[in-house]
C-alpha cells in the first residue's frame, strides 16, 4: 500500500480538468468478457462488425497497454434540455454538440501529460469507446456506477447522463470502492422502449441492437422495415427514451436535478440543424460541411436522409 500512488492525488487532477466523476480500479481482465462474447456470437450486435473484429482484444487491457496495473476512470456529464420541434430532426442529447470522443480524449491527454511529468517512468493510454475495452465494467469497479436494466451505467446520485473515459497506466494507484446499486423491480425503461429491445437473457439484462432505435438510426446502413420505421417515431439520430424515463434521472425534492446541466462548452454549443425536408434534399457537400466535428457524422449521408424521410412519414401519419 505504501508504494501506491494515493487516489486523492489523481482525483484532484481530474476534477480540475473538468470531469464530473472519478475512480480507479485494477487493470485485471474483465469478468464480463464471456457475457460480451456470447452477446456478439448471438448476433445481438447487428451489423457492427468492428465488435466481431476486436472481440479478442477485449479480453484484457494488456492488449491495449502492456504492463497496465491501474485504470483511471472518469465521467463527463452531457445532460441538457432537448426540446422536440415538429418538422426538425430530433437528436439524442449525446450528439447535440461537439463529438464527445474529441472532447474526452483531449481531457484525458491533459491528465496523462500531468502524470507523465510527475512519474516519467510510467506509461499511459487514453481510451474512449472507440478503443476495444469493456469500459462499463472498469467504471463499475472504479465506483462510477452500476448496470441498469437498459445496460446504461447508472450512478445513484448522478443518474446516467455521462460519458466514460479511461486512462490505462502502468502506475500502481490506490483503488476506489466498486459501485453498488440496482434497479429493483422497476421496469420503466423496458415498458417505454417502443421496439422491446431490452430483454433478460442468460441471467443478465441485454439490449438487442437489431431492435434498438439508436442502432437503427446510427449504425444500421440498410433498409429499415415498415414496422420498425413507425416505432422510430420522431428520432432522427439516436434515442434517449430509456434514460428519459429512468427514476435515477428524475428530480428529487431535496435534489432538483441529479444530472445538472453540463458545464462543458463543447456540448452546450449545439449544432443548428436544417428542417427534415432540407436534410432529405441536401447535397453531399452540404452534409459534409454540416456534420464536421459532430457525432451525427457517423450516421452517414444516405442514412441521415433515410432517417429524415422516416420522420417526415411518421409526422404525416399522426
C-alpha atoms as a PDB file:
ATOM      1  CA  UNK A   1       0.000   0.000   0.000  1.00  0.00           C
ATOM      2  CA  UNK A   2       2.921   2.341   0.831  1.00  0.00           C
ATOM      3  CA  UNK A   3       4.183   2.156  -2.744  1.00  0.00           C
ATOM      4  CA  UNK A   4       0.814   3.028  -4.231  1.00  0.00           C
ATOM      5  CA  UNK A   5       0.005   6.465  -5.583  1.00  0.00           C
ATOM      6  CA  UNK A   6      -2.813   7.959  -3.419  1.00  0.00           C
ATOM      7  CA  UNK A   7      -6.109   8.021  -5.300  1.00  0.00           C
ATOM      8  CA  UNK A   8      -6.819  11.540  -3.995  1.00  0.00           C
ATOM      9  CA  UNK A   9      -3.834  12.887  -5.959  1.00  0.00           C
ATOM     10  CA  UNK A  10      -5.345  11.717  -9.243  1.00  0.00           C
ATOM     11  CA  UNK A  11      -8.860  12.719  -8.259  1.00  0.00           C
ATOM     12  CA  UNK A  12      -7.870  16.352  -7.728  1.00  0.00           C
ATOM     13  CA  UNK A  13      -6.234  16.500 -11.152  1.00  0.00           C
ATOM     14  CA  UNK A  14      -9.219  15.013 -12.988  1.00  0.00           C
ATOM     15  CA  UNK A  15     -11.749  17.277 -11.287  1.00  0.00           C
ATOM     16  CA  UNK A  16      -9.638  20.379 -12.007  1.00  0.00           C
ATOM     17  CA  UNK A  17      -9.567  19.420 -15.693  1.00  0.00           C
ATOM     18  CA  UNK A  18     -13.364  19.341 -15.718  1.00  0.00           C
ATOM     19  CA  UNK A  19     -14.508  15.752 -15.211  1.00  0.00           C
ATOM     20  CA  UNK A  20     -17.565  15.192 -13.003  1.00  0.00           C
ATOM     21  CA  UNK A  21     -16.919  11.629 -11.819  1.00  0.00           C
ATOM     22  CA  UNK A  22     -13.715   9.811 -10.979  1.00  0.00           C
ATOM     23  CA  UNK A  23     -12.432   6.468  -9.717  1.00  0.00           C
ATOM     24  CA  UNK A  24      -9.588   3.983 -10.035  1.00  0.00           C
ATOM     25  CA  UNK A  25      -9.638   0.194 -10.353  1.00  0.00           C
ATOM     26  CA  UNK A  26      -7.204  -2.580 -11.177  1.00  0.00           C
ATOM     27  CA  UNK A  27      -6.427  -3.489 -14.782  1.00  0.00           C
ATOM     28  CA  UNK A  28      -7.273  -7.163 -14.292  1.00  0.00           C
ATOM     29  CA  UNK A  29      -9.126  -8.853 -17.183  1.00  0.00           C
ATOM     30  CA  UNK A  30     -12.881  -8.140 -17.265  1.00  0.00           C
ATOM     31  CA  UNK A  31     -15.208 -10.694 -15.685  1.00  0.00           C
ATOM     32  CA  UNK A  32     -17.950  -9.712 -18.158  1.00  0.00           C
ATOM     33  CA  UNK A  33     -15.950 -10.808 -21.203  1.00  0.00           C
ATOM     34  CA  UNK A  34     -17.778 -14.135 -21.563  1.00  0.00           C
ATOM     35  CA  UNK A  35     -21.164 -12.366 -21.475  1.00  0.00           C
ATOM     36  CA  UNK A  36     -19.999  -9.872 -24.094  1.00  0.00           C
ATOM     37  CA  UNK A  37     -18.588 -12.636 -26.312  1.00  0.00           C
ATOM     38  CA  UNK A  38     -21.850 -14.590 -26.166  1.00  0.00           C
ATOM     39  CA  UNK A  39     -23.842 -11.407 -26.930  1.00  0.00           C
ATOM     40  CA  UNK A  40     -21.801 -10.894 -30.104  1.00  0.00           C
ATOM     41  CA  UNK A  41     -21.927 -14.576 -31.070  1.00  0.00           C
ATOM     42  CA  UNK A  42     -25.733 -14.442 -30.702  1.00  0.00           C
ATOM     43  CA  UNK A  43     -25.841 -11.686 -33.313  1.00  0.00           C
ATOM     44  CA  UNK A  44     -27.231  -9.085 -30.902  1.00  0.00           C
ATOM     45  CA  UNK A  45     -24.629  -6.594 -32.169  1.00  0.00           C
ATOM     46  CA  UNK A  46     -26.289  -6.457 -35.586  1.00  0.00           C
ATOM     47  CA  UNK A  47     -24.072  -5.102 -38.367  1.00  0.00           C
ATOM     48  CA  UNK A  48     -21.439  -3.611 -36.051  1.00  0.00           C
ATOM     49  CA  UNK A  49     -18.621  -5.713 -37.490  1.00  0.00           C
ATOM     50  CA  UNK A  50     -15.976  -3.851 -35.503  1.00  0.00           C
ATOM     51  CA  UNK A  51     -17.261  -5.672 -32.419  1.00  0.00           C
ATOM     52  CA  UNK A  52     -16.515  -9.027 -34.030  1.00  0.00           C
ATOM     53  CA  UNK A  53     -13.078  -7.975 -35.260  1.00  0.00           C
ATOM     54  CA  UNK A  54     -11.975  -6.627 -31.881  1.00  0.00           C
ATOM     55  CA  UNK A  55     -13.522  -9.296 -29.683  1.00  0.00           C
ATOM     56  CA  UNK A  56     -10.206 -10.903 -28.662  1.00  0.00           C
ATOM     57  CA  UNK A  57      -8.664  -7.535 -27.800  1.00  0.00           C
ATOM     58  CA  UNK A  58     -11.329  -7.021 -25.136  1.00  0.00           C
ATOM     59  CA  UNK A  59     -10.066  -9.969 -23.090  1.00  0.00           C
ATOM     60  CA  UNK A  60      -7.593  -7.799 -21.221  1.00  0.00           C
ATOM     61  CA  UNK A  61      -6.234  -4.231 -21.034  1.00  0.00           C
ATOM     62  CA  UNK A  62      -2.825  -5.876 -21.595  1.00  0.00           C
ATOM     63  CA  UNK A  63      -3.653  -5.856 -25.302  1.00  0.00           C
ATOM     64  CA  UNK A  64      -4.094  -2.076 -25.148  1.00  0.00           C
ATOM     65  CA  UNK A  65      -1.216  -1.192 -22.803  1.00  0.00           C
ATOM     66  CA  UNK A  66       1.332  -3.833 -21.882  1.00  0.00           C
ATOM     67  CA  UNK A  67       2.040  -3.849 -18.164  1.00  0.00           C
ATOM     68  CA  UNK A  68      -1.114  -1.942 -17.230  1.00  0.00           C
ATOM     69  CA  UNK A  69      -1.769  -2.065 -13.483  1.00  0.00           C
ATOM     70  CA  UNK A  70      -4.463   0.551 -12.956  1.00  0.00           C
ATOM     71  CA  UNK A  71      -7.391   2.055 -14.816  1.00  0.00           C
ATOM     72  CA  UNK A  72      -8.270   5.683 -14.117  1.00  0.00           C
ATOM     73  CA  UNK A  73     -11.968   6.090 -14.960  1.00  0.00           C
ATOM     74  CA  UNK A  74     -13.676   9.450 -15.422  1.00  0.00           C
ATOM     75  CA  UNK A  75     -17.193  10.596 -16.225  1.00  0.00           C
ATOM     76  CA  UNK A  76     -18.243  13.764 -18.037  1.00  0.00           C
ATOM     77  CA  UNK A  77     -21.838  14.971 -17.732  1.00  0.00           C
ATOM     78  CA  UNK A  78     -23.548  15.800 -21.043  1.00  0.00           C
ATOM     79  CA  UNK A  79     -27.087  16.459 -19.833  1.00  0.00           C
ATOM     80  CA  UNK A  80     -29.025  19.396 -21.267  1.00  0.00           C
ATOM     81  CA  UNK A  81     -32.623  20.024 -22.215  1.00  0.00           C
ATOM     82  CA  UNK A  82     -33.602  18.850 -25.656  1.00  0.00           C
ATOM     83  CA  UNK A  83     -36.964  20.112 -26.878  1.00  0.00           C
ATOM     84  CA  UNK A  84     -38.638  18.455 -29.850  1.00  0.00           C
ATOM     85  CA  UNK A  85     -39.619  20.742 -32.755  1.00  0.00           C
ATOM     86  CA  UNK A  86     -42.028  19.379 -35.307  1.00  0.00           C
ATOM     87  CA  UNK A  87     -40.518  19.331 -38.777  1.00  0.00           C
ATOM     88  CA  UNK A  88     -36.944  19.324 -37.463  1.00  0.00           C
ATOM     89  CA  UNK A  89     -34.538  16.497 -36.616  1.00  0.00           C
ATOM     90  CA  UNK A  90     -34.726  15.111 -33.094  1.00  0.00           C
ATOM     91  CA  UNK A  91     -31.228  14.158 -31.983  1.00  0.00           C
ATOM     92  CA  UNK A  92     -30.216  12.334 -28.798  1.00  0.00           C
ATOM     93  CA  UNK A  93     -28.583  14.512 -26.149  1.00  0.00           C
ATOM     94  CA  UNK A  94     -25.168  12.923 -26.545  1.00  0.00           C
ATOM     95  CA  UNK A  95     -24.908  14.221 -30.127  1.00  0.00           C
ATOM     96  CA  UNK A  96     -26.139  17.802 -29.720  1.00  0.00           C
ATOM     97  CA  UNK A  97     -22.683  19.353 -29.519  1.00  0.00           C
ATOM     98  CA  UNK A  98     -19.111  18.515 -30.446  1.00  0.00           C
ATOM     99  CA  UNK A  99     -18.047  14.894 -30.913  1.00  0.00           C
ATOM    100  CA  UNK A 100     -17.517  13.583 -27.378  1.00  0.00           C
ATOM    101  CA  UNK A 101     -14.596  11.379 -28.472  1.00  0.00           C
ATOM    102  CA  UNK A 102     -12.568  14.500 -29.209  1.00  0.00           C
ATOM    103  CA  UNK A 103     -13.636  16.270 -26.001  1.00  0.00           C
ATOM    104  CA  UNK A 104     -12.889  13.343 -23.675  1.00  0.00           C
ATOM    105  CA  UNK A 105      -9.623  12.389 -25.340  1.00  0.00           C
ATOM    106  CA  UNK A 106      -8.307  15.938 -25.084  1.00  0.00           C
ATOM    107  CA  UNK A 107      -9.015  15.993 -21.339  1.00  0.00           C
ATOM    108  CA  UNK A 108      -7.560  12.505 -20.818  1.00  0.00           C
ATOM    109  CA  UNK A 109      -4.370  13.564 -22.581  1.00  0.00           C
ATOM    110  CA  UNK A 110      -4.113  16.518 -20.177  1.00  0.00           C
ATOM    111  CA  UNK A 111      -4.251  14.139 -17.213  1.00  0.00           C
ATOM    112  CA  UNK A 112      -1.694  11.885 -18.906  1.00  0.00           C
ATOM    113  CA  UNK A 113       0.688  14.791 -19.538  1.00  0.00           C
ATOM    114  CA  UNK A 114       0.495  15.972 -15.923  1.00  0.00           C
ATOM    115  CA  UNK A 115       1.096  12.474 -14.558  1.00  0.00           C
ATOM    116  CA  UNK A 116       3.899  11.800 -17.061  1.00  0.00           C
ATOM    117  CA  UNK A 117       5.832  14.785 -15.713  1.00  0.00           C
ATOM    118  CA  UNK A 118       5.398  13.523 -12.165  1.00  0.00           C
ATOM    119  CA  UNK A 119       6.009   9.836 -12.989  1.00  0.00           C
ATOM    120  CA  UNK A 120       8.293   9.788 -16.074  1.00  0.00           C
ATOM    121  CA  UNK A 121       8.810   6.027 -15.815  1.00  0.00           C
ATOM    122  CA  UNK A 122       5.082   5.302 -16.145  1.00  0.00           C
ATOM    123  CA  UNK A 123       3.146   4.622 -19.339  1.00  0.00           C
ATOM    124  CA  UNK A 124      -0.377   5.888 -20.120  1.00  0.00           C
ATOM    125  CA  UNK A 125      -3.019   5.139 -22.768  1.00  0.00           C
ATOM    126  CA  UNK A 126      -6.176   7.295 -23.065  1.00  0.00           C
ATOM    127  CA  UNK A 127      -9.276   5.320 -24.076  1.00  0.00           C
ATOM    128  CA  UNK A 128     -12.727   6.389 -25.177  1.00  0.00           C
ATOM    129  CA  UNK A 129     -15.357   3.996 -26.517  1.00  0.00           C
ATOM    130  CA  UNK A 130     -13.611   3.678 -29.892  1.00  0.00           C
ATOM    131  CA  UNK A 131     -10.920   1.600 -28.135  1.00  0.00           C
ATOM    132  CA  UNK A 132     -11.714  -2.131 -27.697  1.00  0.00           C
ATOM    133  CA  UNK A 133     -12.126  -2.322 -23.924  1.00  0.00           C
ATOM    134  CA  UNK A 134     -15.161  -3.191 -21.801  1.00  0.00           C
ATOM    135  CA  UNK A 135     -15.342   0.264 -20.256  1.00  0.00           C
ATOM    136  CA  UNK A 136     -18.546  -0.225 -18.260  1.00  0.00           C
ATOM    137  CA  UNK A 137     -17.025  -2.971 -16.130  1.00  0.00           C
ATOM    138  CA  UNK A 138     -14.000  -0.858 -15.267  1.00  0.00           C
ATOM    139  CA  UNK A 139     -16.280   2.087 -14.462  1.00  0.00           C
ATOM    140  CA  UNK A 140     -18.311  -0.135 -12.120  1.00  0.00           C
ATOM    141  CA  UNK A 141     -15.149  -1.441 -10.461  1.00  0.00           C
ATOM    142  CA  UNK A 142     -13.948   2.147 -10.034  1.00  0.00           C
ATOM    143  CA  UNK A 143     -17.192   3.163  -8.320  1.00  0.00           C
ATOM    144  CA  UNK A 144     -18.730   5.360 -11.032  1.00  0.00           C
ATOM    145  CA  UNK A 145     -21.955   3.380 -11.344  1.00  0.00           C
ATOM    146  CA  UNK A 146     -23.735   0.064 -11.721  1.00  0.00           C
ATOM    147  CA  UNK A 147     -25.506  -1.620 -14.652  1.00  0.00           C
ATOM    148  CA  UNK A 148     -29.114  -0.634 -15.239  1.00  0.00           C
ATOM    149  CA  UNK A 149     -31.649  -2.883 -16.945  1.00  0.00           C
ATOM    150  CA  UNK A 150     -31.239  -0.696 -20.033  1.00  0.00           C
ATOM    151  CA  UNK A 151     -27.495  -1.604 -19.832  1.00  0.00           C
ATOM    152  CA  UNK A 152     -26.524   2.027 -19.176  1.00  0.00           C
ATOM    153  CA  UNK A 153     -24.142   2.703 -16.326  1.00  0.00           C
ATOM    154  CA  UNK A 154     -26.159   4.415 -13.594  1.00  0.00           C
ATOM    155  CA  UNK A 155     -24.699   6.491 -10.785  1.00  0.00           C
ATOM    156  CA  UNK A 156     -27.075   6.508  -7.808  1.00  0.00           C
ATOM    157  CA  UNK A 157     -26.556  10.233  -7.202  1.00  0.00           C
ATOM    158  CA  UNK A 158     -25.986  11.462 -10.760  1.00  0.00           C
ATOM    159  CA  UNK A 159     -28.111   9.233 -12.971  1.00  0.00           C
ATOM    160  CA  UNK A 160     -26.790   8.090 -16.358  1.00  0.00           C
ATOM    161  CA  UNK A 161     -26.230  11.229 -18.436  1.00  0.00           C
ATOM    162  CA  UNK A 162     -22.436  10.993 -18.583  1.00  0.00           C
ATOM    163  CA  UNK A 163     -19.714   9.797 -20.935  1.00  0.00           C
ATOM    164  CA  UNK A 164     -16.966   7.460 -19.786  1.00  0.00           C
ATOM    165  CA  UNK A 165     -13.257   7.893 -20.358  1.00  0.00           C
ATOM    166  CA  UNK A 166     -10.446   5.554 -19.309  1.00  0.00           C
ATOM    167  CA  UNK A 167      -6.740   6.128 -18.790  1.00  0.00           C
ATOM    168  CA  UNK A 168      -4.742   2.904 -18.614  1.00  0.00           C
ATOM    169  CA  UNK A 169      -1.458   3.184 -16.773  1.00  0.00           C
ATOM    170  CA  UNK A 170       1.441   1.099 -15.513  1.00  0.00           C
ATOM    171  CA  UNK A 171       1.258   3.086 -12.265  1.00  0.00           C
ATOM    172  CA  UNK A 172       0.033   1.242  -9.191  1.00  0.00           C
ATOM    173  CA  UNK A 173      -2.648   3.586  -7.855  1.00  0.00           C
ATOM    174  CA  UNK A 174      -4.763   3.179  -4.735  1.00  0.00           C
ATOM    175  CA  UNK A 175      -8.113   1.690  -5.777  1.00  0.00           C
ATOM    176  CA  UNK A 176     -11.632   3.085  -5.278  1.00  0.00           C
ATOM    177  CA  UNK A 177     -14.558   1.114  -3.881  1.00  0.00           C
ATOM    178  CA  UNK A 178     -16.738  -0.610  -6.533  1.00  0.00           C
ATOM    179  CA  UNK A 179     -20.223   0.811  -7.122  1.00  0.00           C
ATOM    180  CA  UNK A 180     -23.226  -0.906  -5.564  1.00  0.00           C
ATOM    181  CA  UNK A 181     -26.828  -0.465  -6.698  1.00  0.00           C
ATOM    182  CA  UNK A 182     -29.641  -1.842  -8.766  1.00  0.00           C
ATOM    183  CA  UNK A 183     -32.992  -1.218 -10.436  1.00  0.00           C
ATOM    184  CA  UNK A 184     -35.003  -3.467  -8.119  1.00  0.00           C
ATOM    185  CA  UNK A 185     -38.424  -4.253  -9.565  1.00  0.00           C
ATOM    186  CA  UNK A 186     -38.532  -1.108 -11.738  1.00  0.00           C
ATOM    187  CA  UNK A 187     -39.196  -1.764 -15.424  1.00  0.00           C
ATOM    188  CA  UNK A 188     -39.925   1.731 -16.710  1.00  0.00           C
ATOM    189  CA  UNK A 189     -37.239   1.538 -19.406  1.00  0.00           C
ATOM    190  CA  UNK A 190     -38.447  -1.878 -20.545  1.00  0.00           C
ATOM    191  CA  UNK A 191     -42.068  -0.762 -20.829  1.00  0.00           C
ATOM    192  CA  UNK A 192     -41.171   2.543 -22.509  1.00  0.00           C
ATOM    193  CA  UNK A 193     -38.940   1.088 -25.245  1.00  0.00           C
ATOM    194  CA  UNK A 194     -41.051   1.259 -28.449  1.00  0.00           C
ATOM    195  CA  UNK A 195     -39.302  -1.722 -30.044  1.00  0.00           C
ATOM    196  CA  UNK A 196     -38.941  -4.003 -26.998  1.00  0.00           C
ATOM    197  CA  UNK A 197     -35.169  -4.068 -27.391  1.00  0.00           C
ATOM    198  CA  UNK A 198     -34.424  -4.660 -23.676  1.00  0.00           C
ATOM    199  CA  UNK A 199     -34.585  -8.287 -22.555  1.00  0.00           C
ATOM    200  CA  UNK A 200     -33.376 -10.570 -19.769  1.00  0.00           C
ATOM    201  CA  UNK A 201     -31.125 -13.191 -21.361  1.00  0.00           C
ATOM    202  CA  UNK A 202     -28.977 -15.831 -19.643  1.00  0.00           C
ATOM    203  CA  UNK A 203     -29.091 -14.083 -16.294  1.00  0.00           C
ATOM    204  CA  UNK A 204     -28.293 -10.550 -17.490  1.00  0.00           C
ATOM    205  CA  UNK A 205     -30.208  -7.611 -18.935  1.00  0.00           C
ATOM    206  CA  UNK A 206     -29.227  -7.034 -22.551  1.00  0.00           C
ATOM    207  CA  UNK A 207     -30.169  -4.798 -25.470  1.00  0.00           C
ATOM    208  CA  UNK A 208     -30.685  -6.425 -28.834  1.00  0.00           C
ATOM    209  CA  UNK A 209     -29.129  -3.925 -31.233  1.00  0.00           C
ATOM    210  CA  UNK A 210     -31.284  -5.063 -34.164  1.00  0.00           C
ATOM    211  CA  UNK A 211     -34.341  -3.634 -32.387  1.00  0.00           C
ATOM    212  CA  UNK A 212     -32.702  -0.591 -30.754  1.00  0.00           C
ATOM    213  CA  UNK A 213     -33.635   2.815 -32.208  1.00  0.00           C
ATOM    214  CA  UNK A 214     -30.136   4.160 -31.513  1.00  0.00           C
ATOM    215  CA  UNK A 215     -28.609   1.314 -33.500  1.00  0.00           C
ATOM    216  CA  UNK A 216     -31.132   1.587 -36.315  1.00  0.00           C
ATOM    217  CA  UNK A 217     -30.667   5.335 -36.779  1.00  0.00           C
ATOM    218  CA  UNK A 218     -26.873   5.415 -36.346  1.00  0.00           C
ATOM    219  CA  UNK A 219     -25.156   2.117 -37.079  1.00  0.00           C
ATOM    220  CA  UNK A 220     -27.547   0.262 -39.389  1.00  0.00           C
ATOM    221  CA  UNK A 221     -26.994   1.162 -43.038  1.00  0.00           C
ATOM    222  CA  UNK A 222     -29.686  -0.967 -44.675  1.00  0.00           C
ATOM    223  CA  UNK A 223     -33.385  -0.590 -45.356  1.00  0.00           C
ATOM    224  CA  UNK A 224     -35.472  -0.373 -42.186  1.00  0.00           C
ATOM    225  CA  UNK A 225     -38.636  -2.489 -42.120  1.00  0.00           C
ATOM    226  CA  UNK A 226     -42.019  -0.791 -42.173  1.00  0.00           C
ATOM    227  CA  UNK A 227     -42.907  -1.910 -38.644  1.00  0.00           C
ATOM    228  CA  UNK A 228     -39.671  -0.519 -37.213  1.00  0.00           C
ATOM    229  CA  UNK A 229     -39.954   2.699 -39.250  1.00  0.00           C
ATOM    230  CA  UNK A 230     -43.171   3.520 -37.388  1.00  0.00           C
ATOM    231  CA  UNK A 231     -41.625   2.721 -33.992  1.00  0.00           C
ATOM    232  CA  UNK A 232     -38.680   5.030 -34.662  1.00  0.00           C
ATOM    233  CA  UNK A 233     -41.186   7.874 -34.461  1.00  0.00           C
ATOM    234  CA  UNK A 234     -39.540  11.302 -34.213  1.00  0.00           C
ATOM    235  CA  UNK A 235     -35.961  10.112 -33.556  1.00  0.00           C
ATOM    236  CA  UNK A 236     -33.522  11.132 -36.291  1.00  0.00           C
ATOM    237  CA  UNK A 237     -30.233  10.271 -34.589  1.00  0.00           C
ATOM    238  CA  UNK A 238     -30.116   8.049 -31.524  1.00  0.00           C
ATOM    239  CA  UNK A 239     -32.748   7.685 -28.793  1.00  0.00           C
ATOM    240  CA  UNK A 240     -32.996   8.806 -25.154  1.00  0.00           C
ATOM    241  CA  UNK A 241     -36.265   7.128 -24.141  1.00  0.00           C
ATOM    242  CA  UNK A 242     -34.870   4.570 -21.692  1.00  0.00           C
ATOM    243  CA  UNK A 243     -32.812   7.261 -19.943  1.00  0.00           C
ATOM    244  CA  UNK A 244     -35.587   9.857 -20.008  1.00  0.00           C
ATOM    245  CA  UNK A 245     -37.924   7.573 -18.035  1.00  0.00           C
ATOM    246  CA  UNK A 246     -35.307   6.231 -15.613  1.00  0.00           C
ATOM    247  CA  UNK A 247     -36.119   7.222 -11.995  1.00  0.00           C
ATOM    248  CA  UNK A 248     -32.436   7.846 -11.345  1.00  0.00           C
ATOM    249  CA  UNK A 249     -32.574  10.659 -13.901  1.00  0.00           C
ATOM    250  CA  UNK A 250     -35.652  12.285 -12.322  1.00  0.00           C
ATOM    251  CA  UNK A 251     -35.676  15.264  -9.918  1.00  0.00           C
ATOM    252  CA  UNK A 252     -35.966  14.663  -6.181  1.00  0.00           C
ATOM    253  CA  UNK A 253     -37.398  17.036  -3.579  1.00  0.00           C
ATOM    254  CA  UNK A 254     -34.013  17.627  -1.943  1.00  0.00           C
ATOM    255  CA  UNK A 255     -32.027  17.495  -5.191  1.00  0.00           C
ATOM    256  CA  UNK A 256     -33.866  19.100  -8.154  1.00  0.00           C
ATOM    257  CA  UNK A 257     -31.555  17.594 -10.768  1.00  0.00           C
ATOM    258  CA  UNK A 258     -29.429  14.510 -10.282  1.00  0.00           C
ATOM    259  CA  UNK A 259     -27.691  15.444 -13.501  1.00  0.00           C
ATOM    260  CA  UNK A 260     -27.453  19.244 -13.600  1.00  0.00           C
ATOM    261  CA  UNK A 261     -26.967  20.857 -16.994  1.00  0.00           C
ATOM    262  CA  UNK A 262     -23.472  20.159 -18.270  1.00  0.00           C
ATOM    263  CA  UNK A 263     -20.838  22.854 -17.888  1.00  0.00           C
ATOM    264  CA  UNK A 264     -18.928  21.645 -20.941  1.00  0.00           C
ATOM    265  CA  UNK A 265     -18.975  24.386 -23.589  1.00  0.00           C
ATOM    266  CA  UNK A 266     -18.340  21.931 -26.429  1.00  0.00           C
ATOM    267  CA  UNK A 267     -21.586  20.150 -25.555  1.00  0.00           C
ATOM    268  CA  UNK A 268     -23.628  23.287 -24.884  1.00  0.00           C
ATOM    269  CA  UNK A 269     -22.522  24.785 -28.202  1.00  0.00           C
ATOM    270  CA  UNK A 270     -25.250  22.899 -30.055  1.00  0.00           C
ATOM    271  CA  UNK A 271     -25.227  22.398 -33.805  1.00  0.00           C
ATOM    272  CA  UNK A 272     -28.025  24.205 -35.676  1.00  0.00           C
ATOM    273  CA  UNK A 273     -29.815  21.761 -37.974  1.00  0.00           C
ATOM    274  CA  UNK A 274     -31.979  22.485 -41.000  1.00  0.00           C
ATOM    275  CA  UNK A 275     -35.504  21.083 -41.314  1.00  0.00           C
ATOM    276  CA  UNK A 276     -36.195  17.431 -42.037  1.00  0.00           C
ATOM    277  CA  UNK A 277     -37.220  18.319 -45.578  1.00  0.00           C
ATOM    278  CA  UNK A 278     -33.978  20.222 -46.143  1.00  0.00           C
ATOM    279  CA  UNK A 279     -31.952  17.307 -44.770  1.00  0.00           C
ATOM    280  CA  UNK A 280     -33.756  14.904 -47.088  1.00  0.00           C
ATOM    281  CA  UNK A 281     -32.940  17.160 -50.051  1.00  0.00           C
ATOM    282  CA  UNK A 282     -29.423  18.228 -49.082  1.00  0.00           C
ATOM    283  CA  UNK A 283     -26.388  17.568 -51.264  1.00  0.00           C
ATOM    284  CA  UNK A 284     -23.400  15.547 -50.139  1.00  0.00           C
ATOM    285  CA  UNK A 285     -21.341  18.743 -49.971  1.00  0.00           C
ATOM    286  CA  UNK A 286     -23.888  20.349 -47.623  1.00  0.00           C
ATOM    287  CA  UNK A 287     -23.940  17.224 -45.423  1.00  0.00           C
ATOM    288  CA  UNK A 288     -20.148  17.157 -45.337  1.00  0.00           C
ATOM    289  CA  UNK A 289     -19.920  20.731 -44.103  1.00  0.00           C
ATOM    290  CA  UNK A 290     -22.811  20.402 -41.662  1.00  0.00           C
ATOM    291  CA  UNK A 291     -21.541  17.308 -39.854  1.00  0.00           C
ATOM    292  CA  UNK A 292     -17.865  18.194 -39.448  1.00  0.00           C
ATOM    293  CA  UNK A 293     -16.912  17.641 -35.778  1.00  0.00           C
ATOM    294  CA  UNK A 294     -20.357  16.285 -34.876  1.00  0.00           C
ATOM    295  CA  UNK A 295     -21.256  12.743 -33.685  1.00  0.00           C
ATOM    296  CA  UNK A 296     -24.028  12.865 -36.304  1.00  0.00           C
ATOM    297  CA  UNK A 297     -21.380  12.379 -38.992  1.00  0.00           C
ATOM    298  CA  UNK A 298     -21.194   8.686 -38.047  1.00  0.00           C
ATOM    299  CA  UNK A 299     -24.713   8.191 -39.413  1.00  0.00           C
ATOM    300  CA  UNK A 300     -23.525   8.905 -42.948  1.00  0.00           C
ATOM    301  CA  UNK A 301     -25.022  10.927 -45.775  1.00  0.00           C
ATOM    302  CA  UNK A 302     -27.525   8.435 -47.183  1.00  0.00           C
ATOM    303  CA  UNK A 303     -28.697   7.159 -43.810  1.00  0.00           C
ATOM    304  CA  UNK A 304     -29.266  10.639 -42.400  1.00  0.00           C
ATOM    305  CA  UNK A 305     -31.527  11.306 -45.377  1.00  0.00           C
ATOM    306  CA  UNK A 306     -33.200   7.926 -44.823  1.00  0.00           C
ATOM    307  CA  UNK A 307     -33.892   8.811 -41.188  1.00  0.00           C
ATOM    308  CA  UNK A 308     -35.288  12.227 -42.131  1.00  0.00           C
ATOM    309  CA  UNK A 309     -37.652  10.568 -44.588  1.00  0.00           C
ATOM    310  CA  UNK A 310     -38.865   8.186 -41.867  1.00  0.00           C
ATOM    311  CA  UNK A 311     -39.502  11.124 -39.513  1.00  0.00           C
ATOM    312  CA  UNK A 312     -41.410  13.012 -42.203  1.00  0.00           C
ATOM    313  CA  UNK A 313     -43.608   9.981 -42.940  1.00  0.00           C
ATOM    314  CA  UNK A 314     -44.280   9.418 -39.241  1.00  0.00           C
ATOM    315  CA  UNK A 315     -45.289  13.055 -38.731  1.00  0.00           C
ATOM    316  CA  UNK A 316     -47.721  12.850 -41.633  1.00  0.00           C
ATOM    317  CA  UNK A 317     -49.378   9.784 -40.152  1.00  0.00           C
ATOM    318  CA  UNK A 318     -50.095  11.404 -36.779  1.00  0.00           C
END
